[in-house]
Amino acid sequence: MHVHHGARRTDPARVTLLTEGTYPHSHGGVSVWCDQLVQGMPDLEFDVLAVTGTGREPVVWDLPAHVTRVLSVPMWGAPPEGRPPRGRARNRLTAAYERFLTALLDPCAED
């Protein structure tokens, strides 16, 4: 994978906020911190990936417009339907996962 360094972004940066048993499904503690973080960075787009108990927990926070997606992942819910991706879909997933790992391991790397 070739990583371009020094490239300028024209679109807003996108952040995935991973939570477990907190924001945006409950109030208090870590949820307050998460809300302050999200509210304080309106120039970023946020996707919230919330690990929950059953996946049926309601969203209890008023989310700002720059939270573009909330995905609840139940720990004890039904297993996902379908099968693992194959062909081009698998290749796209593998490439995205590689970019993710590169970003974690080399903070200076840009896509």
N, C-alpha and C. Protein backbone atom coordinates (compact mmCIF):
# COMPACT_ATOMS: atom_id res chain seq x y z
N MET A 1 0.85 -1.18 0.00
CA MET A 1 0.00 0.00 0.00
C MET A 1 0.88 1.23 0.00
N HIS A 2 0.61 2.16 -0.88
CA HIS A 2 1.36 3.41 -0.92
C HIS A 2 0.62 4.45 -0.10
N VAL A 3 1.32 5.10 0.80
CA VAL A 3 0.73 6.12 1.65
C VAL A 3 1.29 7.47 1.24
N HIS A 4 0.43 8.40 0.88
CA HIS A 4 0.85 9.75 0.49
C HIS A 4 1.00 10.60 1.74
N HIS A 5 2.18 11.15 1.94
CA HIS A 5 2.41 12.04 3.08
C HIS A 5 2.31 13.48 2.61
N GLY A 6 1.77 14.31 3.46
CA GLY A 6 1.69 15.73 3.15
C GLY A 6 0.50 16.12 2.30
N ALA A 7 -0.36 15.18 1.95
CA ALA A 7 -1.54 15.52 1.16
C ALA A 7 -2.52 16.30 2.03
N ARG A 8 -3.15 17.30 1.44
CA ARG A 8 -4.12 18.10 2.20
C ARG A 8 -5.52 17.57 1.98
N ARG A 9 -6.27 17.54 3.07
CA ARG A 9 -7.66 17.09 3.00
C ARG A 9 -8.55 18.27 2.61
N THR A 10 -9.52 17.99 1.77
CA THR A 10 -10.50 19.01 1.45
C THR A 10 -11.83 18.73 2.14
N ASP A 11 -12.05 17.48 2.51
CA ASP A 11 -13.27 17.11 3.21
C ASP A 11 -13.00 17.07 4.71
N PRO A 12 -14.05 17.17 5.53
CA PRO A 12 -13.84 17.13 6.98
C PRO A 12 -13.26 15.79 7.41
N ALA A 13 -12.41 15.85 8.42
CA ALA A 13 -11.88 14.60 8.97
C ALA A 13 -13.03 13.82 9.59
N ARG A 14 -12.94 12.51 9.53
CA ARG A 14 -13.99 11.65 10.06
C ARG A 14 -13.39 10.84 11.20
N VAL A 15 -14.11 10.79 12.32
CA VAL A 15 -13.66 10.11 13.52
C VAL A 15 -14.66 9.02 13.88
N THR A 16 -14.17 7.83 14.20
CA THR A 16 -15.04 6.79 14.74
C THR A 16 -14.81 6.75 16.24
N LEU A 17 -15.87 7.00 17.00
CA LEU A 17 -15.82 6.97 18.45
C LEU A 17 -16.39 5.63 18.90
N LEU A 18 -15.56 4.82 19.52
CA LEU A 18 -15.97 3.49 19.99
C LEU A 18 -16.27 3.57 21.48
N THR A 19 -17.50 3.20 21.85
CA THR A 19 -17.90 3.24 23.26
C THR A 19 -18.44 1.87 23.67
N GLU A 20 -18.45 1.64 24.97
CA GLU A 20 -18.99 0.38 25.49
C GLU A 20 -19.87 0.68 26.69
N GLY A 21 -21.17 0.49 26.51
CA GLY A 21 -22.13 0.66 27.60
C GLY A 21 -22.32 2.10 28.05
N THR A 22 -21.93 3.05 27.20
CA THR A 22 -22.03 4.46 27.59
C THR A 22 -22.71 5.24 26.47
N TYR A 23 -22.06 6.26 25.99
CA TYR A 23 -22.56 7.18 24.98
C TYR A 23 -22.91 6.44 23.70
N PRO A 24 -23.98 6.72 23.06
CA PRO A 24 -25.04 7.68 23.37
C PRO A 24 -26.26 7.03 24.03
N HIS A 25 -26.05 5.88 24.68
CA HIS A 25 -27.17 5.11 25.23
C HIS A 25 -27.39 5.29 26.72
N SER A 26 -26.53 6.01 27.41
CA SER A 26 -26.73 6.25 28.85
C SER A 26 -26.13 7.59 29.23
N HIS A 27 -26.60 8.13 30.34
CA HIS A 27 -26.11 9.42 30.85
C HIS A 27 -25.06 9.20 31.92
N GLY A 28 -24.28 10.24 32.18
CA GLY A 28 -23.34 10.24 33.28
C GLY A 28 -21.97 9.72 32.92
N GLY A 29 -21.00 10.00 33.81
CA GLY A 29 -19.66 9.45 33.70
C GLY A 29 -19.00 9.66 32.35
N VAL A 30 -18.58 8.57 31.74
CA VAL A 30 -17.87 8.61 30.46
C VAL A 30 -18.75 9.21 29.37
N SER A 31 -20.05 9.02 29.44
CA SER A 31 -20.95 9.58 28.43
C SER A 31 -20.87 11.10 28.38
N VAL A 32 -20.73 11.73 29.54
CA VAL A 32 -20.60 13.19 29.59
C VAL A 32 -19.33 13.61 28.86
N TRP A 33 -18.23 12.90 29.14
CA TRP A 33 -16.96 13.20 28.48
C TRP A 33 -17.10 13.04 26.96
N CYS A 34 -17.73 11.95 26.53
CA CYS A 34 -17.91 11.71 25.09
C CYS A 34 -18.72 12.83 24.45
N ASP A 35 -19.79 13.25 25.11
CA ASP A 35 -20.62 14.31 24.57
C ASP A 35 -19.84 15.62 24.49
N GLN A 36 -19.05 15.93 25.51
CA GLN A 36 -18.24 17.14 25.47
C GLN A 36 -17.22 17.09 24.34
N LEU A 37 -16.63 15.92 24.14
CA LEU A 37 -15.67 15.74 23.05
C LEU A 37 -16.32 15.99 21.70
N VAL A 38 -17.46 15.34 21.47
CA VAL A 38 -18.16 15.47 20.19
C VAL A 38 -18.66 16.90 19.99
N GLN A 39 -19.30 17.47 21.01
CA GLN A 39 -19.84 18.83 20.90
C GLN A 39 -18.73 19.85 20.68
N GLY A 40 -17.56 19.58 21.26
CA GLY A 40 -16.45 20.53 21.18
C GLY A 40 -15.67 20.47 19.87
N MET A 41 -16.01 19.54 19.00
CA MET A 41 -15.29 19.41 17.72
C MET A 41 -16.27 19.39 16.55
N PRO A 42 -16.99 20.49 16.33
CA PRO A 42 -18.00 20.51 15.28
C PRO A 42 -17.42 20.46 13.86
N ASP A 43 -16.11 20.68 13.73
CA ASP A 43 -15.49 20.64 12.41
C ASP A 43 -15.13 19.22 11.97
N LEU A 44 -15.37 18.23 12.84
CA LEU A 44 -15.12 16.83 12.52
C LEU A 44 -16.44 16.10 12.36
N GLU A 45 -16.47 15.09 11.51
CA GLU A 45 -17.63 14.21 11.42
C GLU A 45 -17.38 13.00 12.31
N PHE A 46 -18.41 12.59 13.05
CA PHE A 46 -18.28 11.46 13.96
C PHE A 46 -19.22 10.33 13.57
N ASP A 47 -18.69 9.13 13.58
CA ASP A 47 -19.49 7.91 13.57
C ASP A 47 -19.31 7.32 14.96
N VAL A 48 -20.40 6.93 15.60
CA VAL A 48 -20.32 6.33 16.93
C VAL A 48 -20.61 4.84 16.79
N LEU A 49 -19.67 4.04 17.23
CA LEU A 49 -19.81 2.59 17.26
C LEU A 49 -19.97 2.22 18.72
N ALA A 50 -21.19 1.90 19.12
CA ALA A 50 -21.52 1.68 20.53
C ALA A 50 -21.74 0.21 20.81
N VAL A 51 -20.88 -0.38 21.63
CA VAL A 51 -21.07 -1.75 22.08
C VAL A 51 -22.11 -1.70 23.19
N THR A 52 -23.21 -2.43 23.02
CA THR A 52 -24.32 -2.40 23.96
C THR A 52 -24.62 -3.81 24.45
N GLY A 53 -25.57 -3.90 25.37
CA GLY A 53 -25.95 -5.21 25.89
C GLY A 53 -26.75 -6.01 24.88
N THR A 54 -27.90 -5.46 24.47
CA THR A 54 -28.81 -6.21 23.60
C THR A 54 -28.94 -5.61 22.20
N GLY A 55 -28.56 -4.34 22.03
CA GLY A 55 -28.75 -3.65 20.76
C GLY A 55 -30.09 -2.95 20.68
N ARG A 56 -30.92 -3.09 21.71
CA ARG A 56 -32.24 -2.45 21.73
C ARG A 56 -32.25 -1.20 22.62
N GLU A 57 -31.11 -0.82 23.15
CA GLU A 57 -31.03 0.35 24.03
C GLU A 57 -31.30 1.62 23.22
N PRO A 58 -32.15 2.52 23.75
CA PRO A 58 -32.44 3.76 23.02
C PRO A 58 -31.28 4.75 23.12
N VAL A 59 -31.17 5.61 22.12
CA VAL A 59 -30.22 6.72 22.18
C VAL A 59 -30.85 7.78 23.09
N VAL A 60 -30.13 8.18 24.14
CA VAL A 60 -30.69 9.11 25.12
C VAL A 60 -30.07 10.50 25.04
N TRP A 61 -29.07 10.68 24.21
CA TRP A 61 -28.44 11.99 24.02
C TRP A 61 -29.00 12.63 22.75
N ASP A 62 -29.13 13.96 22.77
CA ASP A 62 -29.44 14.70 21.54
C ASP A 62 -28.12 14.85 20.79
N LEU A 63 -28.01 14.21 19.66
CA LEU A 63 -26.75 14.19 18.92
C LEU A 63 -26.69 15.35 17.94
N PRO A 64 -25.52 16.00 17.85
CA PRO A 64 -25.39 17.09 16.89
C PRO A 64 -25.36 16.57 15.45
N ALA A 65 -25.55 17.47 14.52
CA ALA A 65 -25.64 17.10 13.10
C ALA A 65 -24.35 16.48 12.58
N HIS A 66 -23.21 16.78 13.20
CA HIS A 66 -21.95 16.22 12.69
C HIS A 66 -21.69 14.81 13.21
N VAL A 67 -22.63 14.24 13.98
CA VAL A 67 -22.62 12.80 14.25
C VAL A 67 -23.44 12.19 13.12
N THR A 68 -22.74 11.59 12.18
CA THR A 68 -23.40 11.16 10.95
C THR A 68 -23.95 9.74 11.02
N ARG A 69 -23.49 8.97 12.02
CA ARG A 69 -23.96 7.59 12.11
C ARG A 69 -23.78 7.07 13.53
N VAL A 70 -24.76 6.31 14.01
CA VAL A 70 -24.65 5.58 15.27
C VAL A 70 -24.95 4.12 14.95
N LEU A 71 -24.01 3.26 15.27
CA LEU A 71 -24.18 1.83 15.05
C LEU A 71 -24.05 1.13 16.39
N SER A 72 -25.11 0.45 16.82
CA SER A 72 -25.08 -0.30 18.07
C SER A 72 -24.72 -1.75 17.77
N VAL A 73 -23.73 -2.24 18.49
CA VAL A 73 -23.27 -3.62 18.31
C VAL A 73 -23.57 -4.37 19.61
N PRO A 74 -24.56 -5.26 19.61
CA PRO A 74 -24.93 -5.96 20.84
C PRO A 74 -23.92 -7.05 21.20
N MET A 75 -23.60 -7.10 22.50
CA MET A 75 -22.71 -8.17 22.97
C MET A 75 -23.45 -9.49 23.07
N TRP A 76 -24.74 -9.43 23.42
CA TRP A 76 -25.51 -10.65 23.65
C TRP A 76 -26.70 -10.76 22.72
N GLY A 77 -26.63 -10.14 21.59
CA GLY A 77 -27.73 -10.21 20.64
C GLY A 77 -27.59 -11.42 19.73
N ALA A 78 -28.51 -11.49 18.80
CA ALA A 78 -28.48 -12.57 17.81
C ALA A 78 -27.25 -12.42 16.93
N PRO A 79 -26.69 -13.53 16.47
CA PRO A 79 -25.54 -13.41 15.57
C PRO A 79 -25.94 -12.74 14.26
N PRO A 80 -25.01 -12.03 13.64
CA PRO A 80 -25.35 -11.35 12.38
C PRO A 80 -25.73 -12.34 11.30
N GLU A 81 -26.65 -11.90 10.45
CA GLU A 81 -27.07 -12.74 9.33
C GLU A 81 -26.07 -12.60 8.18
N GLY A 82 -26.12 -13.52 7.29
CA GLY A 82 -25.28 -13.43 6.10
C GLY A 82 -23.99 -14.21 6.25
N ARG A 83 -23.09 -13.92 5.34
CA ARG A 83 -21.81 -14.62 5.33
C ARG A 83 -20.69 -13.60 5.18
N PRO A 84 -19.47 -14.00 5.45
CA PRO A 84 -18.34 -13.08 5.29
C PRO A 84 -18.23 -12.60 3.84
N PRO A 85 -17.70 -11.40 3.64
CA PRO A 85 -17.58 -10.89 2.28
C PRO A 85 -16.62 -11.73 1.44
N ARG A 86 -16.91 -11.75 0.14
CA ARG A 86 -16.07 -12.48 -0.81
C ARG A 86 -15.75 -11.58 -1.99
N GLY A 87 -14.78 -11.96 -2.76
CA GLY A 87 -14.45 -11.25 -4.00
C GLY A 87 -14.07 -9.80 -3.77
N ARG A 88 -14.69 -8.90 -4.56
CA ARG A 88 -14.37 -7.47 -4.47
C ARG A 88 -14.69 -6.88 -3.11
N ALA A 89 -15.80 -7.32 -2.52
CA ALA A 89 -16.17 -6.81 -1.19
C ALA A 89 -15.10 -7.18 -0.17
N ARG A 90 -14.58 -8.38 -0.25
CA ARG A 90 -13.52 -8.80 0.66
C ARG A 90 -12.25 -7.98 0.42
N ASN A 91 -11.94 -7.72 -0.85
CA ASN A 91 -10.76 -6.91 -1.17
C ASN A 91 -10.89 -5.49 -0.63
N ARG A 92 -12.09 -4.90 -0.74
CA ARG A 92 -12.32 -3.56 -0.19
C ARG A 92 -12.18 -3.56 1.32
N LEU A 93 -12.73 -4.59 1.97
CA LEU A 93 -12.62 -4.70 3.42
C LEU A 93 -11.17 -4.86 3.84
N THR A 94 -10.43 -5.70 3.15
CA THR A 94 -9.02 -5.92 3.47
C THR A 94 -8.22 -4.63 3.32
N ALA A 95 -8.47 -3.88 2.25
CA ALA A 95 -7.77 -2.62 2.03
C ALA A 95 -8.11 -1.60 3.11
N ALA A 96 -9.38 -1.52 3.49
CA ALA A 96 -9.79 -0.59 4.55
C ALA A 96 -9.15 -0.99 5.88
N TYR A 97 -9.11 -2.27 6.16
CA TYR A 97 -8.50 -2.75 7.41
C TYR A 97 -7.00 -2.45 7.42
N GLU A 98 -6.34 -2.60 6.30
CA GLU A 98 -4.92 -2.29 6.20
C GLU A 98 -4.68 -0.80 6.45
N ARG A 99 -5.52 0.07 5.88
CA ARG A 99 -5.40 1.51 6.13
C ARG A 99 -5.61 1.83 7.60
N PHE A 100 -6.57 1.15 8.22
CA PHE A 100 -6.85 1.34 9.64
C PHE A 100 -5.62 0.97 10.47
N LEU A 101 -5.05 -0.20 10.22
CA LEU A 101 -3.88 -0.63 10.98
C LEU A 101 -2.69 0.28 10.74
N THR A 102 -2.50 0.73 9.51
CA THR A 102 -1.41 1.65 9.21
C THR A 102 -1.58 2.95 10.00
N ALA A 103 -2.81 3.46 10.06
CA ALA A 103 -3.07 4.69 10.81
C ALA A 103 -2.79 4.50 12.29
N LEU A 104 -3.10 3.33 12.82
CA LEU A 104 -2.82 3.07 14.24
C LEU A 104 -1.32 2.95 14.51
N LEU A 105 -0.62 2.28 13.62
CA LEU A 105 0.79 1.99 13.86
C LEU A 105 1.73 3.09 13.39
N ASP A 106 1.28 3.92 12.44
CA ASP A 106 2.10 5.02 11.93
C ASP A 106 1.24 6.28 11.87
N PRO A 107 1.17 7.02 13.00
CA PRO A 107 0.31 8.20 13.05
C PRO A 107 0.64 9.26 12.00
N CYS A 108 1.84 9.23 11.44
CA CYS A 108 2.21 10.21 10.41
C CYS A 108 1.70 9.82 9.03
N ALA A 109 1.26 8.60 8.88
CA ALA A 109 0.78 8.14 7.58
C ALA A 109 -0.55 8.78 7.25
N GLU A 110 -0.72 9.16 6.00
CA GLU A 110 -1.99 9.70 5.53
C GLU A 110 -2.43 8.89 4.34
N ASP A 111 -3.70 8.84 4.17
CA ASP A 111 -4.32 8.05 3.10
C ASP A 111 -4.38 8.85 1.83
